mmCIF file of all heavy atoms, coordinates in Angstrom:
data_MODEL
# 
_entry.id   MODEL 
# 
loop_
_atom_site.group_PDB 
_atom_site.id 
_atom_site.type_symbol 
_atom_site.label_atom_id 
_atom_site.label_alt_id 
_atom_site.label_comp_id 
_atom_site.label_asym_id 
_atom_site.label_entity_id 
_atom_site.label_seq_id 
_atom_site.pdbx_PDB_ins_code 
_atom_site.Cartn_x 
_atom_site.Cartn_y 
_atom_site.Cartn_z 
_atom_site.occupancy 
_atom_site.B_iso_or_equiv 
_atom_site.pdbx_formal_charge 
_atom_site.auth_seq_id 
_atom_site.auth_comp_id 
_atom_site.auth_asym_id 
_atom_site.auth_atom_id 
_atom_site.pdbx_PDB_model_num 
ATOM 1   N N   . LYS A 1 1  ? 14.261 22.812  27.067 1.00 0.00 ? 1  LYS A N   1 
ATOM 2   C CA  . LYS A 1 1  ? 12.952 22.575  26.429 1.00 0.00 ? 1  LYS A CA  1 
ATOM 3   C C   . LYS A 1 1  ? 13.017 21.406  25.451 1.00 0.00 ? 1  LYS A C   1 
ATOM 4   O O   . LYS A 1 1  ? 12.084 20.618  25.360 1.00 0.00 ? 1  LYS A O   1 
ATOM 5   C CB  . LYS A 1 1  ? 12.477 23.837  25.685 1.00 0.00 ? 1  LYS A CB  1 
ATOM 6   C CG  . LYS A 1 1  ? 11.862 24.855  26.588 1.00 0.00 ? 1  LYS A CG  1 
ATOM 7   C CD  . LYS A 1 1  ? 10.440 24.482  26.830 1.00 0.00 ? 1  LYS A CD  1 
ATOM 8   C CE  . LYS A 1 1  ? 9.695  25.638  27.442 1.00 0.00 ? 1  LYS A CE  1 
ATOM 9   N NZ  . LYS A 1 1  ? 8.507  25.182  28.128 1.00 0.00 ? 1  LYS A NZ  1 
ATOM 10  N N   . VAL A 1 2  ? 14.126 21.306  24.725 1.00 0.00 ? 2  VAL A N   1 
ATOM 11  C CA  . VAL A 1 2  ? 14.250 20.237  23.735 1.00 0.00 ? 2  VAL A CA  1 
ATOM 12  C C   . VAL A 1 2  ? 14.300 18.873  24.429 1.00 0.00 ? 2  VAL A C   1 
ATOM 13  O O   . VAL A 1 2  ? 13.786 17.893  23.903 1.00 0.00 ? 2  VAL A O   1 
ATOM 14  C CB  . VAL A 1 2  ? 15.468 20.458  22.798 1.00 0.00 ? 2  VAL A CB  1 
ATOM 15  C CG1 . VAL A 1 2  ? 16.793 20.322  23.529 1.00 0.00 ? 2  VAL A CG1 1 
ATOM 16  C CG2 . VAL A 1 2  ? 15.408 19.515  21.598 1.00 0.00 ? 2  VAL A CG2 1 
ATOM 17  N N   . TYR A 1 3  ? 14.884 18.806  25.602 1.00 0.00 ? 3  TYR A N   1 
ATOM 18  C CA  . TYR A 1 3  ? 14.899 17.559  26.366 1.00 0.00 ? 3  TYR A CA  1 
ATOM 19  C C   . TYR A 1 3  ? 13.472 17.215  26.808 1.00 0.00 ? 3  TYR A C   1 
ATOM 20  O O   . TYR A 1 3  ? 13.033 16.069  26.676 1.00 0.00 ? 3  TYR A O   1 
ATOM 21  C CB  . TYR A 1 3  ? 15.830 17.676  27.575 1.00 0.00 ? 3  TYR A CB  1 
ATOM 22  C CG  . TYR A 1 3  ? 15.809 16.453  28.455 1.00 0.00 ? 3  TYR A CG  1 
ATOM 23  C CD1 . TYR A 1 3  ? 16.546 15.317  28.119 1.00 0.00 ? 3  TYR A CD1 1 
ATOM 24  C CD2 . TYR A 1 3  ? 15.045 16.426  29.619 1.00 0.00 ? 3  TYR A CD2 1 
ATOM 25  C CE1 . TYR A 1 3  ? 16.504 14.179  28.920 1.00 0.00 ? 3  TYR A CE1 1 
ATOM 26  C CE2 . TYR A 1 3  ? 15.010 15.296  30.420 1.00 0.00 ? 3  TYR A CE2 1 
ATOM 27  C CZ  . TYR A 1 3  ? 15.740 14.180  30.072 1.00 0.00 ? 3  TYR A CZ  1 
ATOM 28  O OH  . TYR A 1 3  ? 15.693 13.062  30.867 1.00 0.00 ? 3  TYR A OH  1 
ATOM 29  N N   . GLU A 1 4  ? 12.756 18.197  27.329 1.00 0.00 ? 4  GLU A N   1 
ATOM 30  C CA  . GLU A 1 4  ? 11.370 17.974  27.750 1.00 0.00 ? 4  GLU A CA  1 
ATOM 31  C C   . GLU A 1 4  ? 10.519 17.482  26.586 1.00 0.00 ? 4  GLU A C   1 
ATOM 32  O O   . GLU A 1 4  ? 9.743  16.531  26.720 1.00 0.00 ? 4  GLU A O   1 
ATOM 33  C CB  . GLU A 1 4  ? 10.766 19.255  28.323 1.00 0.00 ? 4  GLU A CB  1 
ATOM 34  C CG  . GLU A 1 4  ? 11.336 19.677  29.651 1.00 0.00 ? 4  GLU A CG  1 
ATOM 35  C CD  . GLU A 1 4  ? 10.772 21.017  30.127 1.00 0.00 ? 4  GLU A CD  1 
ATOM 36  O OE1 . GLU A 1 4  ? 9.684  21.430  29.653 1.00 0.00 ? 4  GLU A OE1 1 
ATOM 37  O OE2 . GLU A 1 4  ? 11.426 21.645  30.968 1.00 0.00 ? 4  GLU A OE2 1 
ATOM 38  N N   . MET A 1 5  ? 10.670 18.129  25.432 1.00 0.00 ? 5  MET A N   1 
ATOM 39  C CA  . MET A 1 5  ? 9.893  17.730  24.268 1.00 0.00 ? 5  MET A CA  1 
ATOM 40  C C   . MET A 1 5  ? 10.311 16.333  23.801 1.00 0.00 ? 5  MET A C   1 
ATOM 41  O O   . MET A 1 5  ? 9.454  15.528  23.405 1.00 0.00 ? 5  MET A O   1 
ATOM 42  C CB  . MET A 1 5  ? 10.058 18.730  23.132 1.00 0.00 ? 5  MET A CB  1 
ATOM 43  C CG  . MET A 1 5  ? 9.212  18.400  21.945 1.00 0.00 ? 5  MET A CG  1 
ATOM 44  S SD  . MET A 1 5  ? 8.945  19.800  20.898 1.00 0.00 ? 5  MET A SD  1 
ATOM 45  C CE  . MET A 1 5  ? 7.583  19.181  19.948 1.00 0.00 ? 5  MET A CE  1 
ATOM 46  N N   . GLY A 1 6  ? 11.602 16.043  23.877 1.00 0.00 ? 6  GLY A N   1 
ATOM 47  C CA  . GLY A 1 6  ? 12.089 14.718  23.515 1.00 0.00 ? 6  GLY A CA  1 
ATOM 48  C C   . GLY A 1 6  ? 11.502 13.639  24.409 1.00 0.00 ? 6  GLY A C   1 
ATOM 49  O O   . GLY A 1 6  ? 11.125 12.561  23.943 1.00 0.00 ? 6  GLY A O   1 
ATOM 50  N N   . MET A 1 7  ? 11.392 13.932  25.705 1.00 0.00 ? 7  MET A N   1 
ATOM 51  C CA  . MET A 1 7  ? 10.804 12.972  26.633 1.00 0.00 ? 7  MET A CA  1 
ATOM 52  C C   . MET A 1 7  ? 9.323  12.729  26.317 1.00 0.00 ? 7  MET A C   1 
ATOM 53  O O   . MET A 1 7  ? 8.852  11.594  26.369 1.00 0.00 ? 7  MET A O   1 
ATOM 54  C CB  . MET A 1 7  ? 10.972 13.451  28.083 1.00 0.00 ? 7  MET A CB  1 
ATOM 55  C CG  . MET A 1 7  ? 12.400 13.376  28.584 1.00 0.00 ? 7  MET A CG  1 
ATOM 56  S SD  . MET A 1 7  ? 13.062 11.692  28.627 1.00 0.00 ? 7  MET A SD  1 
ATOM 57  C CE  . MET A 1 7  ? 12.120 11.005  29.980 1.00 0.00 ? 7  MET A CE  1 
ATOM 58  N N   . GLU A 1 8  ? 8.610  13.775  25.963 1.00 0.00 ? 8  GLU A N   1 
ATOM 59  C CA  . GLU A 1 8  ? 7.207  13.620  25.570 1.00 0.00 ? 8  GLU A CA  1 
ATOM 60  C C   . GLU A 1 8  ? 7.100  12.776  24.296 1.00 0.00 ? 8  GLU A C   1 
ATOM 61  O O   . GLU A 1 8  ? 6.229  11.915  24.175 1.00 0.00 ? 8  GLU A O   1 
ATOM 62  C CB  . GLU A 1 8  ? 6.562  14.992  25.347 1.00 0.00 ? 8  GLU A CB  1 
ATOM 63  C CG  . GLU A 1 8  ? 6.346  15.780  26.615 1.00 0.00 ? 8  GLU A CG  1 
ATOM 64  C CD  . GLU A 1 8  ? 5.867  17.206  26.359 1.00 0.00 ? 8  GLU A CD  1 
ATOM 65  O OE1 . GLU A 1 8  ? 5.389  17.497  25.233 1.00 0.00 ? 8  GLU A OE1 1 
ATOM 66  O OE2 . GLU A 1 8  ? 5.990  18.021  27.285 1.00 0.00 ? 8  GLU A OE2 1 
ATOM 67  N N   . PHE A 1 9  ? 8.019  13.033  23.369 1.00 0.00 ? 9  PHE A N   1 
ATOM 68  C CA  . PHE A 1 9  ? 8.051  12.284  22.111 1.00 0.00 ? 9  PHE A CA  1 
ATOM 69  C C   . PHE A 1 9  ? 8.306  10.797  22.380 1.00 0.00 ? 9  PHE A C   1 
ATOM 70  O O   . PHE A 1 9  ? 7.633  9.935   21.820 1.00 0.00 ? 9  PHE A O   1 
ATOM 71  C CB  . PHE A 1 9  ? 9.121  12.864  21.182 1.00 0.00 ? 9  PHE A CB  1 
ATOM 72  C CG  . PHE A 1 9  ? 9.219  12.187  19.846 1.00 0.00 ? 9  PHE A CG  1 
ATOM 73  C CD1 . PHE A 1 9  ? 8.231  12.341  18.890 1.00 0.00 ? 9  PHE A CD1 1 
ATOM 74  C CD2 . PHE A 1 9  ? 10.317 11.398  19.539 1.00 0.00 ? 9  PHE A CD2 1 
ATOM 75  C CE1 . PHE A 1 9  ? 8.315  11.718  17.657 1.00 0.00 ? 9  PHE A CE1 1 
ATOM 76  C CE2 . PHE A 1 9  ? 10.413 10.762  18.312 1.00 0.00 ? 9  PHE A CE2 1 
ATOM 77  C CZ  . PHE A 1 9  ? 9.418  10.923  17.365 1.00 0.00 ? 9  PHE A CZ  1 
ATOM 78  N N   . VAL A 1 10 ? 9.254  10.490  23.260 1.00 0.00 ? 10 VAL A N   1 
ATOM 79  C CA  . VAL A 1 10 ? 9.548  9.100   23.609 1.00 0.00 ? 10 VAL A CA  1 
ATOM 80  C C   . VAL A 1 10 ? 8.281  8.427   24.152 1.00 0.00 ? 10 VAL A C   1 
ATOM 81  O O   . VAL A 1 10 ? 7.962  7.294   23.774 1.00 0.00 ? 10 VAL A O   1 
ATOM 82  C CB  . VAL A 1 10 ? 10.698 9.002   24.639 1.00 0.00 ? 10 VAL A CB  1 
ATOM 83  C CG1 . VAL A 1 10 ? 10.806 7.598   25.217 1.00 0.00 ? 10 VAL A CG1 1 
ATOM 84  C CG2 . VAL A 1 10 ? 12.019 9.402   24.008 1.00 0.00 ? 10 VAL A CG2 1 
ATOM 85  N N   . GLY A 1 11 ? 7.562  9.112   25.011 1.00 0.00 ? 11 GLY A N   1 
ATOM 86  C CA  . GLY A 1 11 ? 6.320  8.557   25.553 1.00 0.00 ? 11 GLY A CA  1 
ATOM 87  C C   . GLY A 1 11 ? 5.314  8.246   24.467 1.00 0.00 ? 11 GLY A C   1 
ATOM 88  O O   . GLY A 1 11 ? 4.667  7.186   24.489 1.00 0.00 ? 11 GLY A O   1 
ATOM 89  N N   . LYS A 1 12 ? 5.177  9.157   23.506 1.00 0.00 ? 12 LYS A N   1 
ATOM 90  C CA  . LYS A 1 12 ? 4.246  8.932   22.394 1.00 0.00 ? 12 LYS A CA  1 
ATOM 91  C C   . LYS A 1 12 ? 4.679  7.739   21.551 1.00 0.00 ? 12 LYS A C   1 
ATOM 92  O O   . LYS A 1 12 ? 3.848  6.924   21.134 1.00 0.00 ? 12 LYS A O   1 
ATOM 93  C CB  . LYS A 1 12 ? 4.160  10.178  21.513 1.00 0.00 ? 12 LYS A CB  1 
ATOM 94  C CG  . LYS A 1 12 ? 3.469  11.355  22.166 1.00 0.00 ? 12 LYS A CG  1 
ATOM 95  C CD  . LYS A 1 12 ? 3.514  12.573  21.248 1.00 0.00 ? 12 LYS A CD  1 
ATOM 96  C CE  . LYS A 1 12 ? 2.940  13.809  21.888 1.00 0.00 ? 12 LYS A CE  1 
ATOM 97  N NZ  . LYS A 1 12 ? 3.037  14.991  20.998 1.00 0.00 ? 12 LYS A NZ  1 
ATOM 98  N N   . ILE A 1 13 ? 5.982  7.647   21.299 1.00 0.00 ? 13 ILE A N   1 
ATOM 99  C CA  . ILE A 1 13 ? 6.513  6.545   20.487 1.00 0.00 ? 13 ILE A CA  1 
ATOM 100 C C   . ILE A 1 13 ? 6.292  5.207   21.193 1.00 0.00 ? 13 ILE A C   1 
ATOM 101 O O   . ILE A 1 13 ? 5.886  4.224   20.579 1.00 0.00 ? 13 ILE A O   1 
ATOM 102 C CB  . ILE A 1 13 ? 8.010  6.762   20.164 1.00 0.00 ? 13 ILE A CB  1 
ATOM 103 C CG1 . ILE A 1 13 ? 8.191  7.943   19.208 1.00 0.00 ? 13 ILE A CG1 1 
ATOM 104 C CG2 . ILE A 1 13 ? 8.656  5.491   19.608 1.00 0.00 ? 13 ILE A CG2 1 
ATOM 105 C CD1 . ILE A 1 13 ? 7.492  7.809   17.868 1.00 0.00 ? 13 ILE A CD1 1 
ATOM 106 N N   . PHE A 1 14 ? 6.548  5.168   22.494 1.00 0.00 ? 14 PHE A N   1 
ATOM 107 C CA  . PHE A 1 14 ? 6.320  3.924   23.237 1.00 0.00 ? 14 PHE A CA  1 
ATOM 108 C C   . PHE A 1 14 ? 4.847  3.514   23.169 1.00 0.00 ? 14 PHE A C   1 
ATOM 109 O O   . PHE A 1 14 ? 4.540  2.333   23.018 1.00 0.00 ? 14 PHE A O   1 
ATOM 110 C CB  . PHE A 1 14 ? 6.788  4.066   24.686 1.00 0.00 ? 14 PHE A CB  1 
ATOM 111 C CG  . PHE A 1 14 ? 8.231  3.687   24.870 1.00 0.00 ? 14 PHE A CG  1 
ATOM 112 C CD1 . PHE A 1 14 ? 9.250  4.373   24.219 1.00 0.00 ? 14 PHE A CD1 1 
ATOM 113 C CD2 . PHE A 1 14 ? 8.578  2.650   25.701 1.00 0.00 ? 14 PHE A CD2 1 
ATOM 114 C CE1 . PHE A 1 14 ? 10.582 4.020   24.385 1.00 0.00 ? 14 PHE A CE1 1 
ATOM 115 C CE2 . PHE A 1 14 ? 9.910  2.289   25.879 1.00 0.00 ? 14 PHE A CE2 1 
ATOM 116 C CZ  . PHE A 1 14 ? 10.905 2.970   25.220 1.00 0.00 ? 14 PHE A CZ  1 
ATOM 117 N N   . LYS A 1 15 ? 3.968  4.481   23.269 1.00 0.00 ? 15 LYS A N   1 
ATOM 118 C CA  . LYS A 1 15 ? 2.532  4.177   23.201 1.00 0.00 ? 15 LYS A CA  1 
ATOM 119 C C   . LYS A 1 15 ? 2.158  3.624   21.823 1.00 0.00 ? 15 LYS A C   1 
ATOM 120 O O   . LYS A 1 15 ? 1.466  2.617   21.715 1.00 0.00 ? 15 LYS A O   1 
ATOM 121 C CB  . LYS A 1 15 ? 1.715  5.429   23.508 1.00 0.00 ? 15 LYS A CB  1 
ATOM 122 C CG  . LYS A 1 15 ? 0.232  5.171   23.548 1.00 0.00 ? 15 LYS A CG  1 
ATOM 123 C CD  . LYS A 1 15 ? -0.551 6.405   23.929 1.00 0.00 ? 15 LYS A CD  1 
ATOM 124 C CE  . LYS A 1 15 ? -2.017 6.037   24.026 1.00 0.00 ? 15 LYS A CE  1 
ATOM 125 N NZ  . LYS A 1 15 ? -2.896 6.946   23.427 1.00 0.00 ? 15 LYS A NZ  1 
ATOM 126 N N   . VAL A 1 16 ? 2.632  4.289   20.775 1.00 0.00 ? 16 VAL A N   1 
ATOM 127 C CA  . VAL A 1 16 ? 2.325  3.868   19.401 1.00 0.00 ? 16 VAL A CA  1 
ATOM 128 C C   . VAL A 1 16 ? 2.903  2.488   19.118 1.00 0.00 ? 16 VAL A C   1 
ATOM 129 O O   . VAL A 1 16 ? 2.221  1.632   18.546 1.00 0.00 ? 16 VAL A O   1 
ATOM 130 C CB  . VAL A 1 16 ? 2.870  4.904   18.381 1.00 0.00 ? 16 VAL A CB  1 
ATOM 131 C CG1 . VAL A 1 16 ? 2.934  4.339   16.987 1.00 0.00 ? 16 VAL A CG1 1 
ATOM 132 C CG2 . VAL A 1 16 ? 2.009  6.154   18.398 1.00 0.00 ? 16 VAL A CG2 1 
ATOM 133 N N   . THR A 1 17 ? 4.143  2.255   19.504 1.00 0.00 ? 17 THR A N   1 
ATOM 134 C CA  . THR A 1 17 ? 4.776  0.975   19.168 1.00 0.00 ? 17 THR A CA  1 
ATOM 135 C C   . THR A 1 17 ? 4.229  -0.175  20.008 1.00 0.00 ? 17 THR A C   1 
ATOM 136 O O   . THR A 1 17 ? 4.267  -1.325  19.577 1.00 0.00 ? 17 THR A O   1 
ATOM 137 C CB  . THR A 1 17 ? 6.312  1.050   19.309 1.00 0.00 ? 17 THR A CB  1 
ATOM 138 O OG1 . THR A 1 17 ? 6.663  1.453   20.629 1.00 0.00 ? 17 THR A OG1 1 
ATOM 139 C CG2 . THR A 1 17 ? 6.896  2.017   18.295 1.00 0.00 ? 17 THR A CG2 1 
ATOM 140 N N   . LYS A 1 18 ? 3.709  0.126   21.185 1.00 0.00 ? 18 LYS A N   1 
ATOM 141 C CA  . LYS A 1 18 ? 3.105  -0.915  22.028 1.00 0.00 ? 18 LYS A CA  1 
ATOM 142 C C   . LYS A 1 18 ? 1.861  -1.487  21.352 1.00 0.00 ? 18 LYS A C   1 
ATOM 143 O O   . LYS A 1 18 ? 1.517  -2.655  21.549 1.00 0.00 ? 18 LYS A O   1 
ATOM 144 C CB  . LYS A 1 18 ? 2.718  -0.316  23.389 1.00 0.00 ? 18 LYS A CB  1 
ATOM 145 C CG  . LYS A 1 18 ? 2.329  -1.359  24.418 1.00 0.00 ? 18 LYS A CG  1 
ATOM 146 C CD  . LYS A 1 18 ? 1.851  -0.723  25.699 1.00 0.00 ? 18 LYS A CD  1 
ATOM 147 C CE  . LYS A 1 18 ? 2.975  0.007   26.399 1.00 0.00 ? 18 LYS A CE  1 
ATOM 148 N NZ  . LYS A 1 18 ? 2.566  0.539   27.718 1.00 0.00 ? 18 LYS A NZ  1 
ATOM 149 N N   . GLU A 1 19 ? 1.214  -0.680  20.527 1.00 0.00 ? 19 GLU A N   1 
ATOM 150 C CA  . GLU A 1 19 ? -0.015 -1.093  19.855 1.00 0.00 ? 19 GLU A CA  1 
ATOM 151 C C   . GLU A 1 19 ? 0.233  -1.868  18.559 1.00 0.00 ? 19 GLU A C   1 
ATOM 152 O O   . GLU A 1 19 ? -0.697 -2.379  17.957 1.00 0.00 ? 19 GLU A O   1 
ATOM 153 C CB  . GLU A 1 19 ? -0.885 0.135   19.580 1.00 0.00 ? 19 GLU A CB  1 
ATOM 154 C CG  . GLU A 1 19 ? -1.362 0.823   20.847 1.00 0.00 ? 19 GLU A CG  1 
ATOM 155 C CD  . GLU A 1 19 ? -1.998 2.184   20.613 1.00 0.00 ? 19 GLU A CD  1 
ATOM 156 O OE1 . GLU A 1 19 ? -2.094 2.614   19.442 1.00 0.00 ? 19 GLU A OE1 1 
ATOM 157 O OE2 . GLU A 1 19 ? -2.385 2.805   21.610 1.00 0.00 ? 19 GLU A OE2 1 
ATOM 158 N N   . LEU A 1 20 ? 1.495  -1.954  18.141 1.00 0.00 ? 20 LEU A N   1 
ATOM 159 C CA  . LEU A 1 20 ? 1.815  -2.677  16.910 1.00 0.00 ? 20 LEU A CA  1 
ATOM 160 C C   . LEU A 1 20 ? 1.695  -4.180  17.137 1.00 0.00 ? 20 LEU A C   1 
ATOM 161 O O   . LEU A 1 20 ? 1.876  -4.672  18.245 1.00 0.00 ? 20 LEU A O   1 
ATOM 162 C CB  . LEU A 1 20 ? 3.241  -2.361  16.459 1.00 0.00 ? 20 LEU A CB  1 
ATOM 163 C CG  . LEU A 1 20 ? 3.548  -0.916  16.063 1.00 0.00 ? 20 LEU A CG  1 
ATOM 164 C CD1 . LEU A 1 20 ? 5.033  -0.758  15.757 1.00 0.00 ? 20 LEU A CD1 1 
ATOM 165 C CD2 . LEU A 1 20 ? 2.706  -0.486  14.868 1.00 0.00 ? 20 LEU A CD2 1 
ATOM 166 N N   . THR A 1 21 ? 1.433  -4.905  16.056 1.00 0.00 ? 21 THR A N   1 
ATOM 167 C CA  . THR A 1 21 ? 1.415  -6.363  16.151 1.00 0.00 ? 21 THR A CA  1 
ATOM 168 C C   . THR A 1 21 ? 2.830  -6.851  16.449 1.00 0.00 ? 21 THR A C   1 
ATOM 169 O O   . THR A 1 21 ? 3.814  -6.138  16.214 1.00 0.00 ? 21 THR A O   1 
ATOM 170 C CB  . THR A 1 21 ? 0.929  -6.991  14.829 1.00 0.00 ? 21 THR A CB  1 
ATOM 171 O OG1 . THR A 1 21 ? 1.857  -6.649  13.794 1.00 0.00 ? 21 THR A OG1 1 
ATOM 172 C CG2 . THR A 1 21 ? -0.467 -6.535  14.464 1.00 0.00 ? 21 THR A CG2 1 
ATOM 173 N N   . ALA A 1 22 ? 2.939  -8.066  16.935 1.00 0.00 ? 22 ALA A N   1 
ATOM 174 C CA  . ALA A 1 22 ? 4.239  -8.621  17.329 1.00 0.00 ? 22 ALA A CA  1 
ATOM 175 C C   . ALA A 1 22 ? 5.257  -8.555  16.199 1.00 0.00 ? 22 ALA A C   1 
ATOM 176 O O   . ALA A 1 22 ? 6.433  -8.253  16.425 1.00 0.00 ? 22 ALA A O   1 
ATOM 177 C CB  . ALA A 1 22 ? 4.068  -10.055 17.813 1.00 0.00 ? 22 ALA A CB  1 
ATOM 178 N N   . THR A 1 23 ? 4.828  -8.805  14.978 1.00 0.00 ? 23 THR A N   1 
ATOM 179 C CA  . THR A 1 23 ? 5.739  -8.785  13.838 1.00 0.00 ? 23 THR A CA  1 
ATOM 180 C C   . THR A 1 23 ? 6.416  -7.425  13.699 1.00 0.00 ? 23 THR A C   1 
ATOM 181 O O   . THR A 1 23 ? 7.624  -7.349  13.509 1.00 0.00 ? 23 THR A O   1 
ATOM 182 C CB  . THR A 1 23 ? 4.971  -9.090  12.529 1.00 0.00 ? 23 THR A CB  1 
ATOM 183 O OG1 . THR A 1 23 ? 4.320  -10.339 12.675 1.00 0.00 ? 23 THR A OG1 1 
ATOM 184 C CG2 . THR A 1 23 ? 5.902  -9.116  11.341 1.00 0.00 ? 23 THR A CG2 1 
ATOM 185 N N   . TYR A 1 24 ? 5.646  -6.366  13.805 1.00 0.00 ? 24 TYR A N   1 
ATOM 186 C CA  . TYR A 1 24 ? 6.191  -5.018  13.637 1.00 0.00 ? 24 TYR A CA  1 
ATOM 187 C C   . TYR A 1 24 ? 6.804  -4.478  14.923 1.00 0.00 ? 24 TYR A C   1 
ATOM 188 O O   . TYR A 1 24 ? 7.692  -3.644  14.887 1.00 0.00 ? 24 TYR A O   1 
ATOM 189 C CB  . TYR A 1 24 ? 5.109  -4.064  13.144 1.00 0.00 ? 24 TYR A CB  1 
ATOM 190 C CG  . TYR A 1 24 ? 4.692  -4.360  11.721 1.00 0.00 ? 24 TYR A CG  1 
ATOM 191 C CD1 . TYR A 1 24 ? 3.538  -5.070  11.445 1.00 0.00 ? 24 TYR A CD1 1 
ATOM 192 C CD2 . TYR A 1 24 ? 5.472  -3.935  10.660 1.00 0.00 ? 24 TYR A CD2 1 
ATOM 193 C CE1 . TYR A 1 24 ? 3.160  -5.349  10.147 1.00 0.00 ? 24 TYR A CE1 1 
ATOM 194 C CE2 . TYR A 1 24 ? 5.111  -4.214  9.348  1.00 0.00 ? 24 TYR A CE2 1 
ATOM 195 C CZ  . TYR A 1 24 ? 3.955  -4.925  9.096  1.00 0.00 ? 24 TYR A CZ  1 
ATOM 196 O OH  . TYR A 1 24 ? 3.596  -5.202  7.809  1.00 0.00 ? 24 TYR A OH  1 
ATOM 197 N N   . GLN A 1 25 ? 6.325  -4.963  16.072 1.00 0.00 ? 25 GLN A N   1 
ATOM 198 C CA  . GLN A 1 25 ? 6.816  -4.467  17.348 1.00 0.00 ? 25 GLN A CA  1 
ATOM 199 C C   . GLN A 1 25 ? 8.301  -4.759  17.517 1.00 0.00 ? 25 GLN A C   1 
ATOM 200 O O   . GLN A 1 25 ? 9.030  -3.965  18.083 1.00 0.00 ? 25 GLN A O   1 
ATOM 201 C CB  . GLN A 1 25 ? 6.018  -5.100  18.489 1.00 0.00 ? 25 GLN A CB  1 
ATOM 202 C CG  . GLN A 1 25 ? 5.798  -4.150  19.628 1.00 0.00 ? 25 GLN A CG  1 
ATOM 203 C CD  . GLN A 1 25 ? 4.941  -4.767  20.697 1.00 0.00 ? 25 GLN A CD  1 
ATOM 204 O OE1 . GLN A 1 25 ? 5.411  -5.673  21.362 1.00 0.00 ? 25 GLN A OE1 1 
ATOM 205 N NE2 . GLN A 1 25 ? 3.726  -4.293  20.837 1.00 0.00 ? 25 GLN A NE2 1 
ATOM 206 N N   . PHE A 1 26 ? 8.747  -5.902  17.035 1.00 0.00 ? 26 PHE A N   1 
ATOM 207 C CA  . PHE A 1 26 ? 10.138 -6.294  17.238 1.00 0.00 ? 26 PHE A CA  1 
ATOM 208 C C   . PHE A 1 26 ? 11.026 -5.949  16.050 1.00 0.00 ? 26 PHE A C   1 
ATOM 209 O O   . PHE A 1 26 ? 12.201 -6.262  16.072 1.00 0.00 ? 26 PHE A O   1 
ATOM 210 C CB  . PHE A 1 26 ? 10.223 -7.781  17.574 1.00 0.00 ? 26 PHE A CB  1 
ATOM 211 C CG  . PHE A 1 26 ? 9.540  -8.082  18.875 1.00 0.00 ? 26 PHE A CG  1 
ATOM 212 C CD1 . PHE A 1 26 ? 8.349  -8.776  18.894 1.00 0.00 ? 26 PHE A CD1 1 
ATOM 213 C CD2 . PHE A 1 26 ? 10.066 -7.625  20.066 1.00 0.00 ? 26 PHE A CD2 1 
ATOM 214 C CE1 . PHE A 1 26 ? 7.692  -9.040  20.087 1.00 0.00 ? 26 PHE A CE1 1 
ATOM 215 C CE2 . PHE A 1 26 ? 9.426  -7.874  21.271 1.00 0.00 ? 26 PHE A CE2 1 
ATOM 216 C CZ  . PHE A 1 26 ? 8.235  -8.589  21.285 1.00 0.00 ? 26 PHE A CZ  1 
# 
């Protein structure tokens, strides 16, 4: 379950960080 939840978390993080401006994205 912790792996499944971790994978969901990674997806959320990728979505959030994709929306950051270039300065913060990198």
